[in-house]
């Protein structure tokens, strides 16, 4: 059995702020984008790697207050690497990404899938899928 590992990374922030950009440089940079986040990376010693990102001081799983957070788990599933994504650091997985036989598959197992209108958070892209 492998060793369990836990790593906490504090004070993550928007990459644009780290590069010294301001709202004068990027019209999509808003005051709330300066919020600090904490990432927790855990390996359970056997089969899964977890990454949880939540605002500093709010903790993972506090998504009931609509705080922006995400959970990612990586594992080998049915013989292929798989990434599971959750919009709440400890919530249900919404999307699963596999790459079997050279294909790229994205699977929605929760809620309704619909297209979301372009916004600053979607890089103004028209092909964004929202799962609710």
N, C-alpha and C. Protein backbone atom coordinates (compact mmCIF):
# COMPACT_ATOMS: atom_id res chain seq x y z
N UNK A 1 0.83 -1.18 0.00
CA UNK A 1 0.00 0.00 0.00
C UNK A 1 0.88 1.24 0.00
N UNK A 2 0.51 2.21 -0.78
CA UNK A 2 1.29 3.45 -0.90
C UNK A 2 1.03 4.39 0.26
N UNK A 3 1.93 5.32 0.42
CA UNK A 3 1.82 6.33 1.47
C UNK A 3 0.75 7.35 1.12
N UNK A 4 -0.03 7.76 2.11
CA UNK A 4 -1.02 8.82 1.92
C UNK A 4 -0.30 10.16 1.96
N UNK A 5 -0.75 11.08 1.11
CA UNK A 5 -0.10 12.39 1.00
C UNK A 5 -1.17 13.48 1.04
N UNK A 6 -0.89 14.57 1.75
CA UNK A 6 -1.78 15.72 1.76
C UNK A 6 -0.93 16.98 1.67
N UNK A 7 -1.31 17.86 0.75
CA UNK A 7 -0.59 19.10 0.52
C UNK A 7 -1.60 20.24 0.50
N UNK A 8 -1.35 21.30 1.26
CA UNK A 8 -2.22 22.47 1.25
C UNK A 8 -1.46 23.66 0.68
N UNK A 9 -2.10 24.32 -0.25
CA UNK A 9 -1.51 25.48 -0.91
C UNK A 9 -2.41 26.67 -0.64
N UNK A 10 -1.91 27.67 0.05
CA UNK A 10 -2.71 28.85 0.39
C UNK A 10 -2.42 29.99 -0.56
N UNK A 11 -3.33 30.92 -0.57
CA UNK A 11 -3.18 32.18 -1.29
C UNK A 11 -3.04 32.05 -2.80
N UNK A 12 -3.80 31.13 -3.38
CA UNK A 12 -3.90 31.09 -4.84
C UNK A 12 -4.79 32.26 -5.26
N UNK A 13 -4.49 32.83 -6.41
CA UNK A 13 -5.33 33.93 -6.90
C UNK A 13 -5.37 33.93 -8.41
N UNK A 14 -6.21 34.75 -8.95
CA UNK A 14 -6.37 34.89 -10.40
C UNK A 14 -5.01 35.14 -11.05
N UNK A 15 -4.73 34.40 -12.12
CA UNK A 15 -3.42 34.50 -12.78
C UNK A 15 -3.16 35.92 -13.29
N UNK A 16 -4.20 36.65 -13.65
CA UNK A 16 -4.00 38.01 -14.17
C UNK A 16 -3.45 38.93 -13.11
N UNK A 17 -3.90 38.77 -11.87
CA UNK A 17 -3.40 39.59 -10.76
C UNK A 17 -1.95 39.23 -10.47
N UNK A 18 -1.63 37.93 -10.51
CA UNK A 18 -0.25 37.49 -10.29
C UNK A 18 0.70 38.09 -11.33
N UNK A 19 0.19 38.32 -12.54
CA UNK A 19 1.02 38.92 -13.60
C UNK A 19 1.00 40.44 -13.56
N UNK A 20 0.33 41.02 -12.57
CA UNK A 20 0.34 42.46 -12.39
C UNK A 20 -0.67 43.22 -13.23
N UNK A 21 -1.63 42.53 -13.82
CA UNK A 21 -2.64 43.22 -14.62
C UNK A 21 -3.66 43.91 -13.73
N UNK A 22 -4.25 44.97 -14.24
CA UNK A 22 -5.31 45.69 -13.53
C UNK A 22 -6.51 45.79 -14.46
N UNK A 23 -7.60 46.37 -13.96
CA UNK A 23 -8.79 46.53 -14.79
C UNK A 23 -8.52 47.45 -15.98
N UNK A 24 -7.48 48.25 -15.92
CA UNK A 24 -7.11 49.08 -17.08
C UNK A 24 -6.53 48.21 -18.19
N UNK A 25 -5.88 47.10 -17.81
CA UNK A 25 -5.29 46.18 -18.78
C UNK A 25 -6.30 45.16 -19.30
N UNK A 26 -7.25 44.77 -18.46
CA UNK A 26 -8.20 43.71 -18.79
C UNK A 26 -9.57 44.12 -18.28
N UNK A 27 -10.47 44.47 -19.20
CA UNK A 27 -11.80 44.94 -18.82
C UNK A 27 -12.60 43.87 -18.07
N UNK A 28 -12.24 42.61 -18.22
CA UNK A 28 -12.94 41.53 -17.53
C UNK A 28 -12.44 41.30 -16.11
N UNK A 29 -11.46 42.07 -15.66
CA UNK A 29 -10.93 41.93 -14.31
C UNK A 29 -11.80 42.74 -13.36
N UNK A 30 -12.47 42.06 -12.44
CA UNK A 30 -13.38 42.69 -11.49
C UNK A 30 -12.79 42.66 -10.09
N UNK A 31 -13.23 43.55 -9.18
CA UNK A 31 -12.68 43.55 -7.81
C UNK A 31 -12.79 42.19 -7.12
N UNK A 32 -13.86 41.46 -7.32
CA UNK A 32 -14.01 40.15 -6.70
C UNK A 32 -13.00 39.12 -7.17
N UNK A 33 -12.35 39.39 -8.30
CA UNK A 33 -11.36 38.47 -8.83
C UNK A 33 -10.09 38.43 -7.99
N UNK A 34 -9.97 39.34 -7.03
CA UNK A 34 -8.79 39.38 -6.16
C UNK A 34 -8.91 38.42 -4.98
N UNK A 35 -10.02 37.73 -4.87
CA UNK A 35 -10.25 36.78 -3.77
C UNK A 35 -9.14 35.74 -3.73
N UNK A 36 -8.74 35.34 -2.53
CA UNK A 36 -7.72 34.32 -2.34
C UNK A 36 -8.38 32.95 -2.16
N UNK A 37 -7.72 31.92 -2.70
CA UNK A 37 -8.21 30.55 -2.61
C UNK A 37 -7.16 29.65 -1.97
N UNK A 38 -7.62 28.54 -1.45
CA UNK A 38 -6.73 27.52 -0.92
C UNK A 38 -6.99 26.22 -1.67
N UNK A 39 -5.92 25.57 -2.08
CA UNK A 39 -6.02 24.27 -2.74
C UNK A 39 -5.52 23.20 -1.78
N UNK A 40 -6.25 22.11 -1.74
CA UNK A 40 -5.83 20.95 -0.96
C UNK A 40 -5.70 19.78 -1.93
N UNK A 41 -4.54 19.17 -1.95
CA UNK A 41 -4.28 18.03 -2.81
C UNK A 41 -4.07 16.82 -1.90
N UNK A 42 -4.83 15.76 -2.14
CA UNK A 42 -4.70 14.55 -1.32
C UNK A 42 -4.58 13.33 -2.22
N UNK A 43 -3.71 12.42 -1.82
CA UNK A 43 -3.61 11.11 -2.46
C UNK A 43 -3.94 10.09 -1.39
N UNK A 44 -4.92 9.24 -1.64
CA UNK A 44 -5.39 8.32 -0.60
C UNK A 44 -4.51 7.09 -0.43
N UNK A 45 -3.41 7.03 -1.16
CA UNK A 45 -2.47 5.94 -0.99
C UNK A 45 -2.78 4.71 -1.80
N UNK A 46 -3.85 4.74 -2.56
CA UNK A 46 -4.21 3.53 -3.29
C UNK A 46 -4.70 3.81 -4.71
N UNK A 47 -5.69 4.67 -4.85
CA UNK A 47 -6.30 4.74 -6.17
C UNK A 47 -6.73 6.13 -6.64
N UNK A 48 -6.85 7.10 -5.76
CA UNK A 48 -7.39 8.38 -6.19
C UNK A 48 -6.54 9.55 -5.72
N UNK A 49 -6.50 10.56 -6.58
CA UNK A 49 -5.88 11.84 -6.28
C UNK A 49 -7.00 12.87 -6.26
N UNK A 50 -7.12 13.63 -5.17
CA UNK A 50 -8.16 14.64 -5.04
C UNK A 50 -7.55 16.03 -5.01
N UNK A 51 -8.20 16.98 -5.68
CA UNK A 51 -7.82 18.39 -5.62
C UNK A 51 -9.08 19.16 -5.27
N UNK A 52 -9.04 19.93 -4.20
CA UNK A 52 -10.18 20.73 -3.78
C UNK A 52 -9.72 22.18 -3.68
N UNK A 53 -10.46 23.08 -4.32
CA UNK A 53 -10.12 24.50 -4.28
C UNK A 53 -11.32 25.28 -3.79
N UNK A 54 -11.13 26.08 -2.73
CA UNK A 54 -12.20 26.88 -2.14
C UNK A 54 -11.61 28.20 -1.65
N UNK A 55 -12.44 29.22 -1.49
CA UNK A 55 -11.94 30.49 -0.97
C UNK A 55 -11.29 30.30 0.40
N UNK A 56 -10.22 31.02 0.65
CA UNK A 56 -9.53 30.96 1.94
C UNK A 56 -10.53 31.30 3.04
N UNK A 57 -10.53 30.50 4.10
CA UNK A 57 -11.39 30.75 5.25
C UNK A 57 -12.79 30.16 5.13
N UNK A 58 -13.18 29.71 3.94
CA UNK A 58 -14.53 29.16 3.78
C UNK A 58 -14.53 27.64 3.83
N UNK A 59 -13.43 27.02 3.50
CA UNK A 59 -13.32 25.57 3.57
C UNK A 59 -14.07 24.85 2.47
N UNK A 60 -13.56 23.70 2.13
CA UNK A 60 -14.18 22.87 1.09
C UNK A 60 -15.54 22.39 1.55
N UNK A 61 -16.48 22.36 0.64
CA UNK A 61 -17.81 21.87 0.94
C UNK A 61 -18.76 22.93 1.43
N UNK A 62 -18.31 24.15 1.55
CA UNK A 62 -19.17 25.24 2.01
C UNK A 62 -19.94 25.86 0.85
N UNK A 63 -20.14 25.09 -0.21
CA UNK A 63 -20.74 25.61 -1.43
C UNK A 63 -22.20 26.00 -1.31
N UNK A 64 -22.84 25.69 -0.18
CA UNK A 64 -24.24 26.05 -0.02
C UNK A 64 -24.43 27.56 -0.07
N UNK A 65 -23.38 28.31 0.26
CA UNK A 65 -23.48 29.77 0.22
C UNK A 65 -23.06 30.31 -1.15
N UNK A 66 -22.98 29.43 -2.15
CA UNK A 66 -22.62 29.79 -3.52
C UNK A 66 -21.20 30.33 -3.66
N UNK A 67 -20.31 29.98 -2.74
CA UNK A 67 -18.92 30.39 -2.91
C UNK A 67 -18.31 29.62 -4.06
N UNK A 68 -17.46 30.28 -4.84
CA UNK A 68 -16.86 29.58 -5.98
C UNK A 68 -15.84 28.55 -5.51
N UNK A 69 -16.05 27.31 -5.88
CA UNK A 69 -15.11 26.26 -5.52
C UNK A 69 -15.25 25.13 -6.52
N UNK A 70 -14.27 24.23 -6.49
CA UNK A 70 -14.28 23.11 -7.43
C UNK A 70 -13.60 21.92 -6.78
N UNK A 71 -14.04 20.75 -7.16
CA UNK A 71 -13.41 19.52 -6.71
C UNK A 71 -13.04 18.68 -7.92
N UNK A 72 -11.88 18.08 -7.88
CA UNK A 72 -11.39 17.25 -8.98
C UNK A 72 -10.86 15.95 -8.37
N UNK A 73 -11.26 14.83 -8.92
CA UNK A 73 -10.63 13.58 -8.51
C UNK A 73 -10.13 12.88 -9.77
N UNK A 74 -8.99 12.26 -9.63
CA UNK A 74 -8.34 11.57 -10.75
C UNK A 74 -8.12 10.13 -10.32
N UNK A 75 -8.50 9.20 -11.18
CA UNK A 75 -8.33 7.79 -10.87
C UNK A 75 -8.21 6.98 -12.15
N UNK A 76 -7.88 5.73 -12.00
CA UNK A 76 -7.94 4.79 -13.11
C UNK A 76 -9.30 4.12 -12.99
N UNK A 77 -10.13 4.23 -14.02
CA UNK A 77 -11.50 3.74 -13.98
C UNK A 77 -11.72 2.84 -15.18
N UNK A 78 -12.01 1.58 -14.95
CA UNK A 78 -12.18 0.60 -16.02
C UNK A 78 -10.96 0.54 -16.94
N UNK A 79 -9.79 0.68 -16.35
CA UNK A 79 -8.55 0.53 -17.09
C UNK A 79 -8.05 1.76 -17.82
N UNK A 80 -8.72 2.91 -17.67
CA UNK A 80 -8.26 4.15 -18.32
C UNK A 80 -8.27 5.30 -17.30
N UNK A 81 -7.35 6.26 -17.47
CA UNK A 81 -7.37 7.43 -16.59
C UNK A 81 -8.68 8.19 -16.75
N UNK A 82 -9.18 8.71 -15.64
CA UNK A 82 -10.45 9.43 -15.64
C UNK A 82 -10.35 10.63 -14.69
N UNK A 83 -10.96 11.72 -15.10
CA UNK A 83 -11.05 12.91 -14.25
C UNK A 83 -12.52 13.15 -13.95
N UNK A 84 -12.85 13.35 -12.68
CA UNK A 84 -14.21 13.65 -12.26
C UNK A 84 -14.22 15.09 -11.75
N UNK A 85 -15.21 15.88 -12.18
CA UNK A 85 -15.29 17.29 -11.80
C UNK A 85 -16.56 17.55 -11.01
N UNK A 86 -16.42 18.36 -9.97
CA UNK A 86 -17.55 18.77 -9.15
C UNK A 86 -17.51 20.27 -8.95
N UNK A 87 -18.67 20.92 -8.96
CA UNK A 87 -18.73 22.37 -8.75
C UNK A 87 -18.70 22.72 -7.26
N UNK A 88 -18.72 21.73 -6.41
CA UNK A 88 -18.59 21.90 -4.97
C UNK A 88 -17.43 20.99 -4.58
N UNK A 89 -16.49 21.50 -3.84
CA UNK A 89 -15.27 20.75 -3.57
C UNK A 89 -15.51 19.37 -2.97
N UNK A 90 -16.64 19.18 -2.31
CA UNK A 90 -16.94 17.87 -1.73
C UNK A 90 -18.25 17.30 -2.26
N UNK A 91 -18.77 17.87 -3.33
CA UNK A 91 -20.09 17.47 -3.82
C UNK A 91 -20.08 16.34 -4.83
N UNK A 92 -21.25 16.11 -5.41
CA UNK A 92 -21.40 15.08 -6.42
C UNK A 92 -20.64 15.44 -7.68
N UNK A 93 -20.09 14.43 -8.34
CA UNK A 93 -19.39 14.66 -9.60
C UNK A 93 -20.40 14.99 -10.68
N UNK A 94 -20.14 16.07 -11.41
CA UNK A 94 -21.04 16.50 -12.48
C UNK A 94 -20.57 16.02 -13.84
N UNK A 95 -19.26 16.04 -14.04
CA UNK A 95 -18.69 15.63 -15.33
C UNK A 95 -17.57 14.63 -15.10
N UNK A 96 -17.43 13.73 -16.06
CA UNK A 96 -16.38 12.71 -16.04
C UNK A 96 -15.68 12.78 -17.39
N UNK A 97 -14.37 12.84 -17.39
CA UNK A 97 -13.61 12.95 -18.63
C UNK A 97 -12.73 11.71 -18.77
N UNK A 98 -12.91 10.98 -19.87
CA UNK A 98 -12.14 9.78 -20.17
C UNK A 98 -11.43 9.97 -21.50
N UNK A 99 -10.42 9.18 -21.75
CA UNK A 99 -9.75 9.18 -23.05
C UNK A 99 -9.44 7.74 -23.47
N UNK A 100 -10.49 6.93 -23.70
CA UNK A 100 -10.25 5.55 -24.13
C UNK A 100 -10.02 5.45 -25.62
N UNK A 101 -9.14 4.59 -26.03
CA UNK A 101 -8.93 4.29 -27.46
C UNK A 101 -8.73 5.53 -28.32
N UNK A 102 -8.04 6.55 -27.78
CA UNK A 102 -7.77 7.76 -28.55
C UNK A 102 -8.95 8.71 -28.66
N UNK A 103 -10.08 8.37 -28.07
CA UNK A 103 -11.26 9.24 -28.08
C UNK A 103 -11.20 10.15 -26.86
N UNK A 104 -11.93 11.24 -26.92
CA UNK A 104 -12.06 12.12 -25.77
C UNK A 104 -13.54 12.19 -25.42
N UNK A 105 -13.88 11.65 -24.27
CA UNK A 105 -15.28 11.57 -23.87
C UNK A 105 -15.53 12.41 -22.63
N UNK A 106 -16.61 13.18 -22.66
CA UNK A 106 -17.06 13.94 -21.50
C UNK A 106 -18.47 13.45 -21.19
N UNK A 107 -18.66 12.98 -19.99
CA UNK A 107 -19.93 12.38 -19.59
C UNK A 107 -20.56 13.20 -18.48
N UNK A 108 -21.82 13.55 -18.65
CA UNK A 108 -22.60 14.23 -17.61
C UNK A 108 -23.48 13.19 -16.95
N UNK A 109 -23.34 13.01 -15.65
CA UNK A 109 -24.17 12.03 -14.95
C UNK A 109 -25.14 12.66 -13.97
N UNK A 110 -25.11 13.96 -13.84
CA UNK A 110 -25.98 14.66 -12.89
C UNK A 110 -26.68 15.81 -13.59
N UNK A 111 -27.96 15.94 -13.37
CA UNK A 111 -28.69 17.11 -13.80
C UNK A 111 -28.89 17.25 -15.29
N UNK A 112 -29.33 18.42 -15.68
CA UNK A 112 -29.66 18.74 -17.06
C UNK A 112 -28.48 19.44 -17.73
N UNK A 113 -28.26 19.13 -18.98
CA UNK A 113 -27.18 19.76 -19.75
C UNK A 113 -27.79 20.75 -20.73
N UNK A 114 -27.26 21.96 -20.76
CA UNK A 114 -27.73 22.97 -21.70
C UNK A 114 -26.55 23.87 -22.06
N UNK A 115 -26.69 24.63 -23.13
CA UNK A 115 -25.64 25.57 -23.50
C UNK A 115 -25.81 26.87 -22.74
N UNK A 116 -24.71 27.41 -22.30
CA UNK A 116 -24.68 28.64 -21.53
C UNK A 116 -24.27 29.79 -22.45
N UNK A 117 -24.89 30.97 -22.31
CA UNK A 117 -24.47 32.10 -23.15
C UNK A 117 -23.04 32.52 -22.82
N UNK A 118 -22.33 33.04 -23.79
CA UNK A 118 -20.95 33.48 -23.55
C UNK A 118 -20.88 34.54 -22.45
N UNK A 119 -19.80 34.50 -21.67
CA UNK A 119 -19.57 35.50 -20.62
C UNK A 119 -18.08 35.62 -20.39
N UNK A 120 -17.70 36.50 -19.49
CA UNK A 120 -16.27 36.68 -19.20
C UNK A 120 -15.68 35.42 -18.60
N UNK A 121 -16.50 34.61 -17.90
CA UNK A 121 -16.00 33.38 -17.28
C UNK A 121 -15.85 32.24 -18.28
N UNK A 122 -16.47 32.35 -19.45
CA UNK A 122 -16.40 31.29 -20.46
C UNK A 122 -15.51 31.70 -21.62
N UNK A 123 -14.65 32.67 -21.40
CA UNK A 123 -13.75 33.19 -22.45
C UNK A 123 -14.54 33.65 -23.67
N UNK A 124 -15.80 34.06 -23.43
CA UNK A 124 -16.70 34.54 -24.48
C UNK A 124 -16.96 33.47 -25.54
N UNK A 125 -16.79 32.20 -25.15
CA UNK A 125 -16.97 31.07 -26.05
C UNK A 125 -18.45 30.69 -26.14
N UNK A 126 -18.91 30.33 -27.32
CA UNK A 126 -20.31 29.95 -27.52
C UNK A 126 -20.56 28.47 -27.26
N UNK A 127 -19.53 27.67 -27.10
CA UNK A 127 -19.71 26.23 -26.95
C UNK A 127 -19.63 25.75 -25.51
N UNK A 128 -20.07 26.56 -24.55
CA UNK A 128 -19.96 26.20 -23.15
C UNK A 128 -21.21 25.44 -22.72
N UNK A 129 -20.99 24.33 -22.05
CA UNK A 129 -22.11 23.50 -21.58
C UNK A 129 -22.28 23.74 -20.07
N UNK A 130 -23.50 23.99 -19.66
CA UNK A 130 -23.82 24.16 -18.24
C UNK A 130 -24.56 22.92 -17.77
N UNK A 131 -24.15 22.39 -16.63
CA UNK A 131 -24.83 21.24 -16.04
C UNK A 131 -25.50 21.74 -14.76
N UNK A 132 -26.80 21.54 -14.67
CA UNK A 132 -27.51 22.02 -13.47
C UNK A 132 -28.39 20.94 -12.89
